């Protein structure tokens, strides 16, 4: 059940309409269309020699949300004041953000007002607002955060070595800390999403090393070249020749907002050219994702964390 929706206009003003209390803002929410999953466009090629066709691609287009409001006659505003109020919050061609609250979800979506049609000469005056959302997915008000820890492998074995006089055999290997970081990210959304990684260097790292980020569930891998970062930064900061403790990277794989930013001495440098991939950018799929971080410099001390939005097909 939808409890309320709030709209924030281009002037950062917010109006919240509670469906069970229309007198609060003066609008009765008659209906809201376009809140379910968007239709997909599936492209198929016909083949003359066989039945059916061959799948080529599929995509989901922009979302169209249509809100029907009726002006509440028993409110503290006149009908004309309510009409002008709708113009204020739903100005044509301007950007708006909708926050929709249901029994189980609290989600945002951004869009642009296509039209605000008012029925002035009507017994029941109101507005019909059409909003086009270029990104068709709803996203959560909160983000998911993850930390990546070095992976410990148990290596205690039996039986004990009989040759205890031999120094090498008398040292029992209890476990190994491998040179990669691994975590299982439980993504609760129902639409694939990118991540923003925060890579903090706690020590120097070799100029010839790389950092690899892999999702074991999708086999997608991105590689960050330290040498390329140094080359790019030195072009903007003469004399720069090494990454040291206190430096960090922000790496975004979010569609439409991909970047790799190097932070050094409180300044930011665009080093996106230091990223290579095997055809895609690391992303999360619904469910459990095994994200692994490898550094070729095994002596480097690197802390890694990530955050991601939770995306939904509908409310």
C-alpha atoms as a PDB file:
ATOM      1  CA  UNK A   1       0.000   0.000   0.000  1.00  0.00           C
ATOM      2  CA  UNK A   2       1.235   3.484  -0.869  1.00  0.00           C
ATOM      3  CA  UNK A   3       1.255   5.685   2.219  1.00  0.00           C
ATOM      4  CA  UNK A   4       2.502   8.976   0.785  1.00  0.00           C
ATOM      5  CA  UNK A   5       4.536  10.675  -1.882  1.00  0.00           C
ATOM      6  CA  UNK A   6       6.696  13.771  -1.579  1.00  0.00           C
ATOM      7  CA  UNK A   7       7.844  16.003  -4.417  1.00  0.00           C
ATOM      8  CA  UNK A   8      10.937  18.218  -4.311  1.00  0.00           C
ATOM      9  CA  UNK A   9      10.981  20.894  -7.005  1.00  0.00           C
ATOM     10  CA  UNK A  10      13.904  22.566  -8.776  1.00  0.00           C
ATOM     11  CA  UNK A  11      14.077  25.178  -5.992  1.00  0.00           C
ATOM     12  CA  UNK A  12      14.595  22.447  -3.391  1.00  0.00           C
ATOM     13  CA  UNK A  13      11.124  22.987  -1.902  1.00  0.00           C
ATOM     14  CA  UNK A  14       9.327  19.843  -0.712  1.00  0.00           C
ATOM     15  CA  UNK A  15       5.646  19.013  -0.439  1.00  0.00           C
ATOM     16  CA  UNK A  16       4.468  15.742   1.104  1.00  0.00           C
ATOM     17  CA  UNK A  17       1.036  14.366   0.249  1.00  0.00           C
ATOM     18  CA  UNK A  18      -0.268  11.767   2.705  1.00  0.00           C
ATOM     19  CA  UNK A  19      -2.938   9.716   0.972  1.00  0.00           C
ATOM     20  CA  UNK A  20      -5.066   9.377   4.119  1.00  0.00           C
ATOM     21  CA  UNK A  21      -4.854  13.074   5.045  1.00  0.00           C
ATOM     22  CA  UNK A  22      -5.606  15.264   1.981  1.00  0.00           C
ATOM     23  CA  UNK A  23      -6.362  18.324   4.120  1.00  0.00           C
ATOM     24  CA  UNK A  24      -2.691  18.653   5.086  1.00  0.00           C
ATOM     25  CA  UNK A  25      -1.553  19.919   1.666  1.00  0.00           C
ATOM     26  CA  UNK A  26      -4.930  20.363  -0.026  1.00  0.00           C
ATOM     27  CA  UNK A  27      -4.626  17.588  -2.624  1.00  0.00           C
ATOM     28  CA  UNK A  28      -6.494  14.308  -2.954  1.00  0.00           C
ATOM     29  CA  UNK A  29      -4.317  11.760  -4.755  1.00  0.00           C
ATOM     30  CA  UNK A  30      -6.818  10.205  -7.158  1.00  0.00           C
ATOM     31  CA  UNK A  31      -4.293   7.950  -8.888  1.00  0.00           C
ATOM     32  CA  UNK A  32      -0.626   7.453  -9.740  1.00  0.00           C
ATOM     33  CA  UNK A  33       0.185   5.481 -12.879  1.00  0.00           C
ATOM     34  CA  UNK A  34       3.607   4.207 -13.961  1.00  0.00           C
ATOM     35  CA  UNK A  35       4.861   2.776 -10.671  1.00  0.00           C
ATOM     36  CA  UNK A  36       5.240  -0.839 -11.778  1.00  0.00           C
ATOM     37  CA  UNK A  37       8.027  -2.359 -13.901  1.00  0.00           C
ATOM     38  CA  UNK A  38       8.516  -0.634 -17.258  1.00  0.00           C
ATOM     39  CA  UNK A  39       7.878  -2.553 -20.467  1.00  0.00           C
ATOM     40  CA  UNK A  40      10.998  -3.748 -22.269  1.00  0.00           C
ATOM     41  CA  UNK A  41      11.683  -3.421 -25.981  1.00  0.00           C
ATOM     42  CA  UNK A  42      12.940  -6.785 -27.235  1.00  0.00           C
ATOM     43  CA  UNK A  43      14.678  -6.869 -30.625  1.00  0.00           C
ATOM     44  CA  UNK A  44      14.460 -10.158 -32.527  1.00  0.00           C
ATOM     45  CA  UNK A  45      15.678 -10.990 -36.033  1.00  0.00           C
ATOM     46  CA  UNK A  46      13.607 -13.351 -38.178  1.00  0.00           C
ATOM     47  CA  UNK A  47      15.381 -16.266 -39.809  1.00  0.00           C
ATOM     48  CA  UNK A  48      13.758 -17.544 -42.991  1.00  0.00           C
ATOM     49  CA  UNK A  49      14.749 -21.185 -42.558  1.00  0.00           C
ATOM     50  CA  UNK A  50      13.510 -21.769 -38.999  1.00  0.00           C
ATOM     51  CA  UNK A  51      10.494 -20.976 -36.879  1.00  0.00           C
ATOM     52  CA  UNK A  52      10.684 -18.095 -34.447  1.00  0.00           C
ATOM     53  CA  UNK A  53      13.586 -15.669 -34.398  1.00  0.00           C
ATOM     54  CA  UNK A  54      17.006 -14.839 -32.992  1.00  0.00           C
ATOM     55  CA  UNK A  55      17.310 -12.599 -29.953  1.00  0.00           C
ATOM     56  CA  UNK A  56      19.445  -9.495 -30.589  1.00  0.00           C
ATOM     57  CA  UNK A  57      18.982  -7.184 -27.615  1.00  0.00           C
ATOM     58  CA  UNK A  58      16.547  -5.803 -25.064  1.00  0.00           C
ATOM     59  CA  UNK A  59      16.261  -2.473 -23.335  1.00  0.00           C
ATOM     60  CA  UNK A  60      13.976  -0.578 -20.989  1.00  0.00           C
ATOM     61  CA  UNK A  61      13.115   2.986 -21.945  1.00  0.00           C
ATOM     62  CA  UNK A  62      12.282   6.026 -19.821  1.00  0.00           C
ATOM     63  CA  UNK A  63       9.531   5.862 -17.223  1.00  0.00           C
ATOM     64  CA  UNK A  64       6.384   7.974 -17.462  1.00  0.00           C
ATOM     65  CA  UNK A  65       4.652   8.659 -14.147  1.00  0.00           C
ATOM     66  CA  UNK A  66       1.207  10.273 -14.309  1.00  0.00           C
ATOM     67  CA  UNK A  67      -0.224  11.751 -11.106  1.00  0.00           C
ATOM     68  CA  UNK A  68      -3.887  12.765 -10.885  1.00  0.00           C
ATOM     69  CA  UNK A  69      -4.627  15.262  -8.101  1.00  0.00           C
ATOM     70  CA  UNK A  70      -8.016  16.619  -7.048  1.00  0.00           C
ATOM     71  CA  UNK A  71      -8.136  19.926  -5.181  1.00  0.00           C
ATOM     72  CA  UNK A  72      -9.534  19.399  -1.694  1.00  0.00           C
ATOM     73  CA  UNK A  73     -12.362  21.857  -1.153  1.00  0.00           C
ATOM     74  CA  UNK A  74     -12.320  21.627   2.660  1.00  0.00           C
ATOM     75  CA  UNK A  75      -8.688  22.606   3.069  1.00  0.00           C
ATOM     76  CA  UNK A  76      -7.150  25.867   4.244  1.00  0.00           C
ATOM     77  CA  UNK A  77      -6.499  26.973   0.661  1.00  0.00           C
ATOM     78  CA  UNK A  78      -8.888  28.161  -1.980  1.00  0.00           C
ATOM     79  CA  UNK A  79      -9.239  26.204  -5.230  1.00  0.00           C
ATOM     80  CA  UNK A  80      -7.278  28.851  -7.119  1.00  0.00           C
ATOM     81  CA  UNK A  81      -4.499  28.828  -4.513  1.00  0.00           C
ATOM     82  CA  UNK A  82      -4.226  25.065  -4.858  1.00  0.00           C
ATOM     83  CA  UNK A  83      -4.014  25.372  -8.636  1.00  0.00           C
ATOM     84  CA  UNK A  84      -1.150  27.872  -8.291  1.00  0.00           C
ATOM     85  CA  UNK A  85       0.478  25.589  -5.726  1.00  0.00           C
ATOM     86  CA  UNK A  86       0.519  22.758  -8.263  1.00  0.00           C
ATOM     87  CA  UNK A  87       2.274  25.090 -10.727  1.00  0.00           C
ATOM     88  CA  UNK A  88       4.921  25.795  -8.097  1.00  0.00           C
ATOM     89  CA  UNK A  89       5.793  22.170  -7.399  1.00  0.00           C
ATOM     90  CA  UNK A  90       5.179  20.739 -10.886  1.00  0.00           C
ATOM     91  CA  UNK A  91       6.583  23.396 -13.227  1.00  0.00           C
ATOM     92  CA  UNK A  92       6.749  22.127 -16.838  1.00  0.00           C
ATOM     93  CA  UNK A  93      10.247  21.184 -18.132  1.00  0.00           C
ATOM     94  CA  UNK A  94      11.728  21.523 -14.626  1.00  0.00           C
ATOM     95  CA  UNK A  95      13.402  18.728 -12.662  1.00  0.00           C
ATOM     96  CA  UNK A  96      11.602  17.115  -9.729  1.00  0.00           C
ATOM     97  CA  UNK A  97      12.374  14.308  -7.325  1.00  0.00           C
ATOM     98  CA  UNK A  98       9.660  11.995  -6.061  1.00  0.00           C
ATOM     99  CA  UNK A  99       9.925  10.150  -2.738  1.00  0.00           C
ATOM    100  CA  UNK A 100       7.363   7.364  -2.472  1.00  0.00           C
ATOM    101  CA  UNK A 101       6.633   5.579   0.786  1.00  0.00           C
ATOM    102  CA  UNK A 102       4.892   2.206   0.885  1.00  0.00           C
ATOM    103  CA  UNK A 103       4.438  -0.358   3.639  1.00  0.00           C
ATOM    104  CA  UNK A 104       7.820  -1.921   2.831  1.00  0.00           C
ATOM    105  CA  UNK A 105       9.813   0.525   0.710  1.00  0.00           C
ATOM    106  CA  UNK A 106      10.964   4.124   0.750  1.00  0.00           C
ATOM    107  CA  UNK A 107      12.315   4.981  -2.707  1.00  0.00           C
ATOM    108  CA  UNK A 108      13.321   7.932  -4.872  1.00  0.00           C
ATOM    109  CA  UNK A 109      13.081   8.612  -8.567  1.00  0.00           C
ATOM    110  CA  UNK A 110      14.184  11.701 -10.529  1.00  0.00           C
ATOM    111  CA  UNK A 111      12.343  13.125 -13.499  1.00  0.00           C
ATOM    112  CA  UNK A 112      11.253  16.144 -15.505  1.00  0.00           C
ATOM    113  CA  UNK A 113       7.721  17.537 -15.643  1.00  0.00           C
ATOM    114  CA  UNK A 114       6.342  16.969 -19.122  1.00  0.00           C
ATOM    115  CA  UNK A 115       2.968  18.592 -18.478  1.00  0.00           C
ATOM    116  CA  UNK A 116       0.679  19.915 -15.749  1.00  0.00           C
ATOM    117  CA  UNK A 117      -2.833  19.871 -17.168  1.00  0.00           C
ATOM    118  CA  UNK A 118      -5.505  21.530 -15.039  1.00  0.00           C
ATOM    119  CA  UNK A 119      -9.273  21.179 -15.374  1.00  0.00           C
ATOM    120  CA  UNK A 120     -10.357  24.731 -14.612  1.00  0.00           C
ATOM    121  CA  UNK A 121     -13.905  24.548 -16.008  1.00  0.00           C
ATOM    122  CA  UNK A 122     -14.790  21.357 -14.192  1.00  0.00           C
ATOM    123  CA  UNK A 123     -17.068  20.440 -11.338  1.00  0.00           C
ATOM    124  CA  UNK A 124     -14.159  18.619  -9.720  1.00  0.00           C
ATOM    125  CA  UNK A 125     -11.110  20.735 -10.400  1.00  0.00           C
ATOM    126  CA  UNK A 126      -7.662  19.179 -10.292  1.00  0.00           C
ATOM    127  CA  UNK A 127      -4.350  18.583 -12.058  1.00  0.00           C
ATOM    128  CA  UNK A 128      -2.957  15.758 -14.139  1.00  0.00           C
ATOM    129  CA  UNK A 129       0.836  15.794 -14.013  1.00  0.00           C
ATOM    130  CA  UNK A 130       3.054  13.818 -16.384  1.00  0.00           C
ATOM    131  CA  UNK A 131       6.679  13.219 -15.337  1.00  0.00           C
ATOM    132  CA  UNK A 132       9.337  11.662 -17.583  1.00  0.00           C
ATOM    133  CA  UNK A 133      12.089   9.799 -15.717  1.00  0.00           C
ATOM    134  CA  UNK A 134      15.178   9.157 -17.903  1.00  0.00           C
ATOM    135  CA  UNK A 135      16.418   6.541 -15.428  1.00  0.00           C
ATOM    136  CA  UNK A 136      13.439   4.172 -15.142  1.00  0.00           C
ATOM    137  CA  UNK A 137      14.467   2.594 -11.840  1.00  0.00           C
ATOM    138  CA  UNK A 138      13.513   3.543  -8.303  1.00  0.00           C
ATOM    139  CA  UNK A 139      16.398   3.682  -5.834  1.00  0.00           C
ATOM    140  CA  UNK A 140      16.559   3.344  -2.075  1.00  0.00           C
ATOM    141  CA  UNK A 141      16.971   6.212   0.346  1.00  0.00           C
ATOM    142  CA  UNK A 142      19.793   4.300   2.065  1.00  0.00           C
ATOM    143  CA  UNK A 143      22.945   2.806   0.564  1.00  0.00           C
ATOM    144  CA  UNK A 144      24.630  -0.519   1.209  1.00  0.00           C
ATOM    145  CA  UNK A 145      28.204  -0.393   2.579  1.00  0.00           C
ATOM    146  CA  UNK A 146      30.829  -3.138   2.430  1.00  0.00           C
ATOM    147  CA  UNK A 147      34.398  -3.607   3.639  1.00  0.00           C
ATOM    148  CA  UNK A 148      36.946  -5.926   2.038  1.00  0.00           C
ATOM    149  CA  UNK A 149      39.284  -7.896   4.292  1.00  0.00           C
ATOM    150  CA  UNK A 150      42.350 -10.003   3.584  1.00  0.00           C
ATOM    151  CA  UNK A 151      41.391 -13.606   3.029  1.00  0.00           C
ATOM    152  CA  UNK A 152      42.773 -16.134   5.539  1.00  0.00           C
ATOM    153  CA  UNK A 153      43.262 -19.719   4.365  1.00  0.00           C
ATOM    154  CA  UNK A 154      43.566 -22.470   7.021  1.00  0.00           C
ATOM    155  CA  UNK A 155      46.750 -24.463   6.467  1.00  0.00           C
ATOM    156  CA  UNK A 156      47.065 -26.623   9.593  1.00  0.00           C
ATOM    157  CA  UNK A 157      47.736 -30.205   8.491  1.00  0.00           C
ATOM    158  CA  UNK A 158      48.324 -33.619  10.060  1.00  0.00           C
ATOM    159  CA  UNK A 159      50.351 -35.605  10.737  1.00  0.00           C
ATOM    160  CA  UNK A 160      53.200 -33.675  12.378  1.00  0.00           C
ATOM    161  CA  UNK A 161      56.544 -33.924  10.717  1.00  0.00           C
ATOM    162  CA  UNK A 162      58.750 -36.667  12.193  1.00  0.00           C
ATOM    163  CA  UNK A 163      61.906 -34.797  11.202  1.00  0.00           C
ATOM    164  CA  UNK A 164      61.760 -32.209  13.992  1.00  0.00           C
ATOM    165  CA  UNK A 165      65.530 -31.770  13.878  1.00  0.00           C
ATOM    166  CA  UNK A 166      65.151 -30.206  10.472  1.00  0.00           C
ATOM    167  CA  UNK A 167      64.476 -26.471  11.020  1.00  0.00           C
ATOM    168  CA  UNK A 168      62.247 -26.171   7.953  1.00  0.00           C
ATOM    169  CA  UNK A 169      60.061 -29.137   8.860  1.00  0.00           C
ATOM    170  CA  UNK A 170      59.827 -28.158  12.528  1.00  0.00           C
ATOM    171  CA  UNK A 171      57.972 -24.944  11.609  1.00  0.00           C
ATOM    172  CA  UNK A 172      54.272 -25.781  11.388  1.00  0.00           C
ATOM    173  CA  UNK A 173      52.251 -23.587   9.021  1.00  0.00           C
ATOM    174  CA  UNK A 174      48.994 -22.682  10.774  1.00  0.00           C
ATOM    175  CA  UNK A 175      47.482 -20.386   8.156  1.00  0.00           C
ATOM    176  CA  UNK A 176      48.173 -17.990   5.293  1.00  0.00           C
ATOM    177  CA  UNK A 177      47.038 -14.404   4.651  1.00  0.00           C
ATOM    178  CA  UNK A 178      46.720 -14.160   0.891  1.00  0.00           C
ATOM    179  CA  UNK A 179      47.446 -11.037  -1.142  1.00  0.00           C
ATOM    180  CA  UNK A 180      43.831 -10.338  -2.014  1.00  0.00           C
ATOM    181  CA  UNK A 181      40.719  -9.073  -0.274  1.00  0.00           C
ATOM    182  CA  UNK A 182      37.385 -10.824  -0.610  1.00  0.00           C
ATOM    183  CA  UNK A 183      33.859 -10.249   0.609  1.00  0.00           C
ATOM    184  CA  UNK A 184      30.408 -11.520  -0.211  1.00  0.00           C
ATOM    185  CA  UNK A 185      28.159  -8.586  -1.018  1.00  0.00           C
ATOM    186  CA  UNK A 186      24.466  -9.343  -0.461  1.00  0.00           C
ATOM    187  CA  UNK A 187      22.629  -7.048  -2.872  1.00  0.00           C
ATOM    188  CA  UNK A 188      18.941  -6.729  -1.993  1.00  0.00           C
ATOM    189  CA  UNK A 189      17.735  -4.881  -5.100  1.00  0.00           C
ATOM    190  CA  UNK A 190      16.159  -6.427  -8.195  1.00  0.00           C
ATOM    191  CA  UNK A 191      18.108  -4.441 -10.828  1.00  0.00           C
ATOM    192  CA  UNK A 192      21.865  -4.719 -11.542  1.00  0.00           C
ATOM    193  CA  UNK A 193      23.855  -1.802 -10.116  1.00  0.00           C
ATOM    194  CA  UNK A 194      27.382  -0.411 -10.060  1.00  0.00           C
ATOM    195  CA  UNK A 195      29.501   0.386  -7.023  1.00  0.00           C
ATOM    196  CA  UNK A 196      31.720   3.181  -5.735  1.00  0.00           C
ATOM    197  CA  UNK A 197      34.984   1.820  -4.292  1.00  0.00           C
ATOM    198  CA  UNK A 198      37.078   3.760  -1.780  1.00  0.00           C
ATOM    199  CA  UNK A 199      40.682   2.529  -2.023  1.00  0.00           C
ATOM    200  CA  UNK A 200      42.870   3.981   0.746  1.00  0.00           C
ATOM    201  CA  UNK A 201      46.635   3.481   0.636  1.00  0.00           C
ATOM    202  CA  UNK A 202      48.118   2.865   4.093  1.00  0.00           C
ATOM    203  CA  UNK A 203      51.618   2.448   2.672  1.00  0.00           C
ATOM    204  CA  UNK A 204      53.512   3.083  -0.543  1.00  0.00           C
ATOM    205  CA  UNK A 205      52.716   0.867  -3.538  1.00  0.00           C
ATOM    206  CA  UNK A 206      55.008  -0.158  -6.368  1.00  0.00           C
ATOM    207  CA  UNK A 207      54.824   2.024  -9.478  1.00  0.00           C
ATOM    208  CA  UNK A 208      54.594  -1.069 -11.679  1.00  0.00           C
ATOM    209  CA  UNK A 209      51.755  -2.735  -9.775  1.00  0.00           C
ATOM    210  CA  UNK A 210      48.070  -3.082 -10.556  1.00  0.00           C
ATOM    211  CA  UNK A 211      44.819  -3.352  -8.617  1.00  0.00           C
ATOM    212  CA  UNK A 212      42.250  -5.811  -9.964  1.00  0.00           C
ATOM    213  CA  UNK A 213      38.580  -5.823  -8.969  1.00  0.00           C
ATOM    214  CA  UNK A 214      36.560  -8.887  -9.937  1.00  0.00           C
ATOM    215  CA  UNK A 215      32.993 -10.100  -9.414  1.00  0.00           C
ATOM    216  CA  UNK A 216      33.276 -13.894  -9.311  1.00  0.00           C
ATOM    217  CA  UNK A 217      29.565 -14.250 -10.121  1.00  0.00           C
ATOM    218  CA  UNK A 218      29.787 -12.411 -13.441  1.00  0.00           C
ATOM    219  CA  UNK A 219      33.516 -12.867 -14.281  1.00  0.00           C
ATOM    220  CA  UNK A 220      33.722  -9.124 -14.969  1.00  0.00           C
ATOM    221  CA  UNK A 221      37.087  -7.636 -14.053  1.00  0.00           C
ATOM    222  CA  UNK A 222      38.498  -4.099 -13.959  1.00  0.00           C
ATOM    223  CA  UNK A 223      42.231  -3.405 -13.693  1.00  0.00           C
ATOM    224  CA  UNK A 224      43.701  -0.148 -12.364  1.00  0.00           C
ATOM    225  CA  UNK A 225      47.279   0.573 -13.459  1.00  0.00           C
ATOM    226  CA  UNK A 226      49.363   2.414 -10.867  1.00  0.00           C
ATOM    227  CA  UNK A 227      51.909   3.381 -13.563  1.00  0.00           C
ATOM    228  CA  UNK A 228      49.182   5.049 -15.641  1.00  0.00           C
ATOM    229  CA  UNK A 229      47.888   6.917 -12.580  1.00  0.00           C
ATOM    230  CA  UNK A 230      51.374   8.322 -11.933  1.00  0.00           C
ATOM    231  CA  UNK A 231      51.735   9.323 -15.592  1.00  0.00           C
ATOM    232  CA  UNK A 232      48.357  11.092 -15.632  1.00  0.00           C
ATOM    233  CA  UNK A 233      48.862  12.867 -12.299  1.00  0.00           C
ATOM    234  CA  UNK A 234      52.430  13.949 -13.109  1.00  0.00           C
ATOM    235  CA  UNK A 235      51.052  15.735 -16.174  1.00  0.00           C
ATOM    236  CA  UNK A 236      48.890  17.852 -13.872  1.00  0.00           C
ATOM    237  CA  UNK A 237      51.241  17.912 -10.863  1.00  0.00           C
ATOM    238  CA  UNK A 238      54.884  18.228 -11.994  1.00  0.00           C
ATOM    239  CA  UNK A 239      57.270  16.256  -9.800  1.00  0.00           C
ATOM    240  CA  UNK A 240      54.711  13.664  -8.695  1.00  0.00           C
ATOM    241  CA  UNK A 241      56.294  10.209  -9.009  1.00  0.00           C
ATOM    242  CA  UNK A 242      54.809   7.799  -6.450  1.00  0.00           C
ATOM    243  CA  UNK A 243      51.683   6.882  -4.513  1.00  0.00           C
ATOM    244  CA  UNK A 244      52.296   6.908  -0.769  1.00  0.00           C
ATOM    245  CA  UNK A 245      50.442   6.495   2.498  1.00  0.00           C
ATOM    246  CA  UNK A 246      47.506   8.901   2.799  1.00  0.00           C
ATOM    247  CA  UNK A 247      46.639   8.865  -0.905  1.00  0.00           C
ATOM    248  CA  UNK A 248      43.374   7.282  -2.066  1.00  0.00           C
ATOM    249  CA  UNK A 249      41.237   6.410  -5.082  1.00  0.00           C
ATOM    250  CA  UNK A 250      37.503   6.729  -5.652  1.00  0.00           C
ATOM    251  CA  UNK A 251      36.396   4.315  -8.363  1.00  0.00           C
ATOM    252  CA  UNK A 252      32.789   4.372  -9.643  1.00  0.00           C
ATOM    253  CA  UNK A 253      31.354   1.688 -11.934  1.00  0.00           C
ATOM    254  CA  UNK A 254      27.835   3.173 -11.889  1.00  0.00           C
ATOM    255  CA  UNK A 255      26.278   3.439 -15.351  1.00  0.00           C
ATOM    256  CA  UNK A 256      26.174   7.055 -16.469  1.00  0.00           C
ATOM    257  CA  UNK A 257      28.514   8.113 -13.645  1.00  0.00           C
ATOM    258  CA  UNK A 258      31.787   6.213 -14.159  1.00  0.00           C
ATOM    259  CA  UNK A 259      34.968   7.796 -12.836  1.00  0.00           C
ATOM    260  CA  UNK A 260      38.340   7.138 -11.227  1.00  0.00           C
ATOM    261  CA  UNK A 261      39.496   9.999  -9.007  1.00  0.00           C
ATOM    262  CA  UNK A 262      42.904  10.147  -7.318  1.00  0.00           C
ATOM    263  CA  UNK A 263      43.088  12.141  -4.070  1.00  0.00           C
ATOM    264  CA  UNK A 264      46.461  13.569  -3.056  1.00  0.00           C
ATOM    265  CA  UNK A 265      47.099  16.397  -0.581  1.00  0.00           C
ATOM    266  CA  UNK A 266      43.361  17.260  -0.500  1.00  0.00           C
ATOM    267  CA  UNK A 267      43.228  17.686  -4.288  1.00  0.00           C
ATOM    268  CA  UNK A 268      41.376  15.553  -6.828  1.00  0.00           C
ATOM    269  CA  UNK A 269      42.743  14.316 -10.161  1.00  0.00           C
ATOM    270  CA  UNK A 270      40.789  12.599 -12.935  1.00  0.00           C
ATOM    271  CA  UNK A 271      42.655   9.371 -13.802  1.00  0.00           C
ATOM    272  CA  UNK A 272      39.898   7.410 -15.559  1.00  0.00           C
ATOM    273  CA  UNK A 273      42.378   6.529 -18.308  1.00  0.00           C
ATOM    274  CA  UNK A 274      44.152   4.201 -15.866  1.00  0.00           C
ATOM    275  CA  UNK A 275      41.228   1.725 -15.895  1.00  0.00           C
ATOM    276  CA  UNK A 276      40.969  -1.232 -18.257  1.00  0.00           C
ATOM    277  CA  UNK A 277      38.325  -3.956 -18.346  1.00  0.00           C
ATOM    278  CA  UNK A 278      37.515  -7.264 -20.006  1.00  0.00           C
ATOM    279  CA  UNK A 279      34.507  -5.793 -21.766  1.00  0.00           C
ATOM    280  CA  UNK A 280      32.359  -4.467 -18.928  1.00  0.00           C
ATOM    281  CA  UNK A 281      32.547  -2.675 -15.580  1.00  0.00           C
ATOM    282  CA  UNK A 282      32.158  -4.514 -12.290  1.00  0.00           C
ATOM    283  CA  UNK A 283      28.530  -4.519 -11.159  1.00  0.00           C
ATOM    284  CA  UNK A 284      26.287  -6.269  -8.654  1.00  0.00           C
ATOM    285  CA  UNK A 285      23.529  -8.689  -9.545  1.00  0.00           C
ATOM    286  CA  UNK A 286      20.599  -9.454  -7.214  1.00  0.00           C
ATOM    287  CA  UNK A 287      21.686 -11.855  -4.478  1.00  0.00           C
ATOM    288  CA  UNK A 288      25.171 -12.790  -3.261  1.00  0.00           C
ATOM    289  CA  UNK A 289      28.200 -11.366  -5.145  1.00  0.00           C
ATOM    290  CA  UNK A 290      31.782 -12.497  -4.478  1.00  0.00           C
ATOM    291  CA  UNK A 291      33.850  -9.320  -4.946  1.00  0.00           C
ATOM    292  CA  UNK A 292      37.612  -9.815  -4.915  1.00  0.00           C
ATOM    293  CA  UNK A 293      40.346  -7.161  -4.773  1.00  0.00           C
ATOM    294  CA  UNK A 294      43.860  -8.171  -5.913  1.00  0.00           C
ATOM    295  CA  UNK A 295      47.029  -6.085  -5.645  1.00  0.00           C
ATOM    296  CA  UNK A 296      50.100  -7.297  -7.525  1.00  0.00           C
ATOM    297  CA  UNK A 297      52.301  -5.580  -4.939  1.00  0.00           C
ATOM    298  CA  UNK A 298      51.964  -8.032  -2.033  1.00  0.00           C
ATOM    299  CA  UNK A 299      53.790  -5.660   0.342  1.00  0.00           C
ATOM    300  CA  UNK A 300      51.311  -2.806  -0.127  1.00  0.00           C
ATOM    301  CA  UNK A 301      48.832  -2.070   2.668  1.00  0.00           C
ATOM    302  CA  UNK A 302      45.500  -1.077   1.118  1.00  0.00           C
ATOM    303  CA  UNK A 303      42.080  -0.642   2.758  1.00  0.00           C
ATOM    304  CA  UNK A 304      39.070  -1.069   0.476  1.00  0.00           C
ATOM    305  CA  UNK A 305      35.385  -0.331   1.048  1.00  0.00           C
ATOM    306  CA  UNK A 306      32.441   0.204  -1.281  1.00  0.00           C
ATOM    307  CA  UNK A 307      28.939   1.592  -1.350  1.00  0.00           C
ATOM    308  CA  UNK A 308      26.049   1.088  -3.735  1.00  0.00           C
ATOM    309  CA  UNK A 309      22.495   2.190  -4.294  1.00  0.00           C
ATOM    310  CA  UNK A 310      19.671  -0.351  -4.210  1.00  0.00           C
ATOM    311  CA  UNK A 311      17.588  -0.227  -7.415  1.00  0.00           C
ATOM    312  CA  UNK A 312      14.076  -1.562  -7.976  1.00  0.00           C
ATOM    313  CA  UNK A 313      11.945  -2.181 -11.085  1.00  0.00           C
ATOM    314  CA  UNK A 314       8.867  -0.877  -9.316  1.00  0.00           C
ATOM    315  CA  UNK A 315       7.452  -0.112  -5.901  1.00  0.00           C
END
